[in-house]
């Protein structure tokens, strides 16, 4: 697992010793960043269900102003901190229930959601994001899920931009309308 692009391009990241954390595959990660590549620089990013932190670290490498990492697993948070240190980045890292975090976290320009597939955490996170309205105008939510998972429509001003399929994985991009 390596950083694809940016200031620490090619940097190897620490991976879990077992399969308790499912890192995003390189192909899917590359696809995510092909979709959002022009929206990262100078933006505030939330890497919810952070796992190893590779998605948020990729954002930092590509010029994000800040990334907040959240995971309830102490092992995951430890790996995120080790990966940040190895890359020379500083960021806020929280060991907290991801769903609870959404109720007090402030606003973000990009939200990355990659929870364990066999849970309802993705739907719950999207519902709270939509209700609490934590995405800035023109912001993007990128979701990773199993290909067969039906992704919900969100209430205005949120909308589903597009779905992309990569083998057994689906990426869904949501946006928040810009007020005129």
Protein backbone atom coordinates (compact mmCIF):
# COMPACT_ATOMS: atom_id res chain seq x y z
CA UNK A 1 0.00 0.00 0.00
CA UNK A 2 1.58 3.24 -1.21
CA UNK A 3 0.68 6.90 -1.65
CA UNK A 4 -0.19 7.37 -5.33
CA UNK A 5 0.60 11.03 -5.93
CA UNK A 6 1.65 14.33 -4.41
CA UNK A 7 4.40 15.36 -2.03
CA UNK A 8 4.96 11.88 -0.57
CA UNK A 9 4.27 9.93 -3.76
CA UNK A 10 5.46 6.33 -3.52
CA UNK A 11 5.67 6.35 0.29
CA UNK A 12 4.88 2.93 1.71
CA UNK A 13 2.19 2.90 4.39
CA UNK A 14 1.85 0.51 7.31
CA UNK A 15 -0.87 -2.09 6.89
CA UNK A 16 -2.69 -4.14 9.52
CA UNK A 17 -1.12 -7.44 10.53
CA UNK A 18 -4.43 -9.27 10.04
CA UNK A 19 -7.65 -8.75 8.09
CA UNK A 20 -9.52 -6.86 10.81
CA UNK A 21 -9.08 -3.71 8.69
CA UNK A 22 -9.89 -3.84 4.97
CA UNK A 23 -7.69 -1.29 3.19
CA UNK A 24 -9.00 0.17 -0.06
CA UNK A 25 -7.34 -1.55 -3.01
CA UNK A 26 -4.90 0.48 -5.12
CA UNK A 27 -7.22 0.30 -8.16
CA UNK A 28 -10.21 1.64 -6.21
CA UNK A 29 -8.07 4.29 -4.45
CA UNK A 30 -6.75 5.47 -7.81
CA UNK A 31 -10.34 5.69 -9.10
CA UNK A 32 -11.46 7.73 -6.07
CA UNK A 33 -8.68 10.23 -6.67
CA UNK A 34 -9.34 10.39 -10.41
CA UNK A 35 -12.89 11.49 -9.49
CA UNK A 36 -11.96 14.12 -6.87
CA UNK A 37 -8.43 15.11 -7.94
CA UNK A 38 -9.28 18.74 -8.77
CA UNK A 39 -11.30 19.25 -5.58
CA UNK A 40 -8.65 18.42 -2.95
CA UNK A 41 -6.14 21.26 -2.79
CA UNK A 42 -6.78 23.64 0.11
CA UNK A 43 -9.85 21.73 1.30
CA UNK A 44 -10.88 20.38 4.73
CA UNK A 45 -11.30 16.60 4.57
CA UNK A 46 -12.95 14.09 6.90
CA UNK A 47 -11.71 10.50 6.66
CA UNK A 48 -14.44 8.73 8.63
CA UNK A 49 -13.91 5.01 9.37
CA UNK A 50 -10.25 5.83 8.70
CA UNK A 51 -8.78 2.31 8.93
CA UNK A 52 -5.13 2.76 7.95
CA UNK A 53 -5.64 6.42 7.02
CA UNK A 54 -4.49 5.89 3.46
CA UNK A 55 -7.32 7.92 1.86
CA UNK A 56 -6.82 10.94 4.10
CA UNK A 57 -3.04 10.72 3.75
CA UNK A 58 -3.47 10.69 -0.03
CA UNK A 59 -5.47 13.94 0.35
CA UNK A 60 -2.71 15.52 2.46
CA UNK A 61 -0.12 14.47 -0.10
CA UNK A 62 -2.22 16.18 -2.78
CA UNK A 63 -2.49 19.48 -0.91
CA UNK A 64 -5.55 19.26 1.35
CA UNK A 65 -5.50 22.04 3.97
CA UNK A 66 -6.36 19.56 6.72
CA UNK A 67 -7.63 16.04 7.27
CA UNK A 68 -9.48 14.76 10.31
CA UNK A 69 -9.23 10.99 10.85
CA UNK A 70 -11.85 9.12 12.90
CA UNK A 71 -12.01 5.43 13.79
CA UNK A 72 -13.28 3.63 16.87
CA UNK A 73 -10.56 0.97 16.68
CA UNK A 74 -7.48 1.72 18.78
CA UNK A 75 -5.42 -0.43 16.39
CA UNK A 76 -6.61 1.62 13.41
CA UNK A 77 -5.87 4.91 15.14
CA UNK A 78 -2.38 3.65 16.02
CA UNK A 79 -1.74 2.72 12.37
CA UNK A 80 -3.06 6.12 11.18
CA UNK A 81 -0.71 7.92 13.58
CA UNK A 82 2.27 5.81 12.48
CA UNK A 83 1.47 6.46 8.81
CA UNK A 84 1.09 10.20 9.39
CA UNK A 85 4.43 10.32 11.21
CA UNK A 86 6.18 8.30 8.47
CA UNK A 87 4.88 10.79 5.88
CA UNK A 88 5.75 13.84 7.95
CA UNK A 89 2.14 15.02 8.23
CA UNK A 90 0.23 16.33 11.22
CA UNK A 91 -3.51 15.88 11.54
CA UNK A 92 -6.32 15.50 14.05
CA UNK A 93 -6.94 11.82 14.83
CA UNK A 94 -9.87 10.72 16.98
CA UNK A 95 -10.57 7.36 18.60
CA UNK A 96 -14.34 7.67 18.61
CA UNK A 97 -17.49 6.09 17.31
CA UNK A 98 -17.73 7.50 13.79
CA UNK A 99 -21.50 7.96 13.86
CA UNK A 100 -21.38 9.85 17.18
CA UNK A 101 -18.55 12.04 15.85
CA UNK A 102 -20.78 13.38 13.06
CA UNK A 103 -23.05 15.09 15.58
CA UNK A 104 -20.34 17.50 16.80
CA UNK A 105 -17.63 17.68 14.15
CA UNK A 106 -18.13 20.94 12.25
CA UNK A 107 -18.09 21.37 8.46
CA UNK A 108 -15.94 19.67 5.82
CA UNK A 109 -15.40 20.15 2.07
CA UNK A 110 -14.77 16.45 1.34
CA UNK A 111 -16.02 13.47 3.33
CA UNK A 112 -14.60 10.00 2.69
CA UNK A 113 -16.79 7.10 3.87
CA UNK A 114 -15.47 3.54 3.74
CA UNK A 115 -17.05 1.60 6.62
CA UNK A 116 -17.08 -2.19 6.93
CA UNK A 117 -19.35 -3.40 4.12
CA UNK A 118 -21.50 -5.83 6.14
CA UNK A 119 -22.96 -3.10 8.37
CA UNK A 120 -25.52 -0.32 8.10
CA UNK A 121 -22.89 2.29 9.03
CA UNK A 122 -22.78 3.84 5.56
CA UNK A 123 -26.53 4.52 5.51
CA UNK A 124 -26.47 5.87 9.06
CA UNK A 125 -23.50 8.15 8.30
CA UNK A 126 -25.16 9.54 5.16
CA UNK A 127 -28.42 10.15 7.03
CA UNK A 128 -26.67 12.10 9.80
CA UNK A 129 -24.49 14.06 7.36
CA UNK A 130 -27.65 15.02 5.48
CA UNK A 131 -29.61 15.97 8.64
CA UNK A 132 -26.81 17.78 10.50
CA UNK A 133 -25.60 19.34 7.20
CA UNK A 134 -21.83 19.10 7.73
CA UNK A 135 -20.79 19.29 4.06
CA UNK A 136 -19.89 22.74 2.74
CA UNK A 137 -21.53 24.17 -0.38
CA UNK A 138 -20.12 22.45 -3.46
CA UNK A 139 -18.63 19.74 -1.24
CA UNK A 140 -18.23 16.05 -2.11
CA UNK A 141 -18.95 12.83 -0.24
CA UNK A 142 -17.16 9.74 -1.61
CA UNK A 143 -18.57 6.39 -0.46
CA UNK A 144 -17.07 2.95 -0.94
CA UNK A 145 -19.42 -0.03 -0.66
CA UNK A 146 -20.07 -3.48 -2.04
CA UNK A 147 -21.28 -3.37 -5.64
CA UNK A 148 -24.71 -4.82 -4.83
CA UNK A 149 -25.52 -2.25 -2.13
CA UNK A 150 -28.30 0.12 -3.16
CA UNK A 151 -27.22 3.64 -2.26
CA UNK A 152 -29.86 6.03 -0.91
CA UNK A 153 -31.02 9.30 -2.37
CA UNK A 154 -30.44 12.22 0.00
CA UNK A 155 -32.64 15.21 0.80
CA UNK A 156 -31.90 18.54 -0.83
CA UNK A 157 -29.47 20.31 -0.91
CA UNK A 158 -27.61 16.97 -1.13
CA UNK A 159 -27.77 14.88 -4.30
CA UNK A 160 -26.25 11.73 -5.77
CA UNK A 161 -23.73 12.72 -8.45
CA UNK A 162 -22.71 9.37 -9.90
CA UNK A 163 -21.99 5.71 -9.16
CA UNK A 164 -18.93 3.85 -10.43
CA UNK A 165 -18.40 0.07 -10.36
CA UNK A 166 -15.00 -1.61 -10.04
CA UNK A 167 -15.35 -5.39 -9.76
CA UNK A 168 -17.07 -6.10 -6.44
CA UNK A 169 -16.74 -2.48 -5.27
CA UNK A 170 -19.01 0.50 -5.89
CA UNK A 171 -18.00 4.12 -5.46
CA UNK A 172 -20.79 6.63 -5.03
CA UNK A 173 -20.22 10.36 -5.19
CA UNK A 174 -22.66 12.75 -3.54
CA UNK A 175 -22.58 16.52 -3.69
CA UNK A 176 -24.09 19.52 -1.95
CA UNK A 177 -25.67 22.17 -4.11
CA UNK A 178 -24.18 25.63 -4.17
CA UNK A 179 -26.58 28.39 -3.14
CA UNK A 180 -26.88 31.18 -5.66
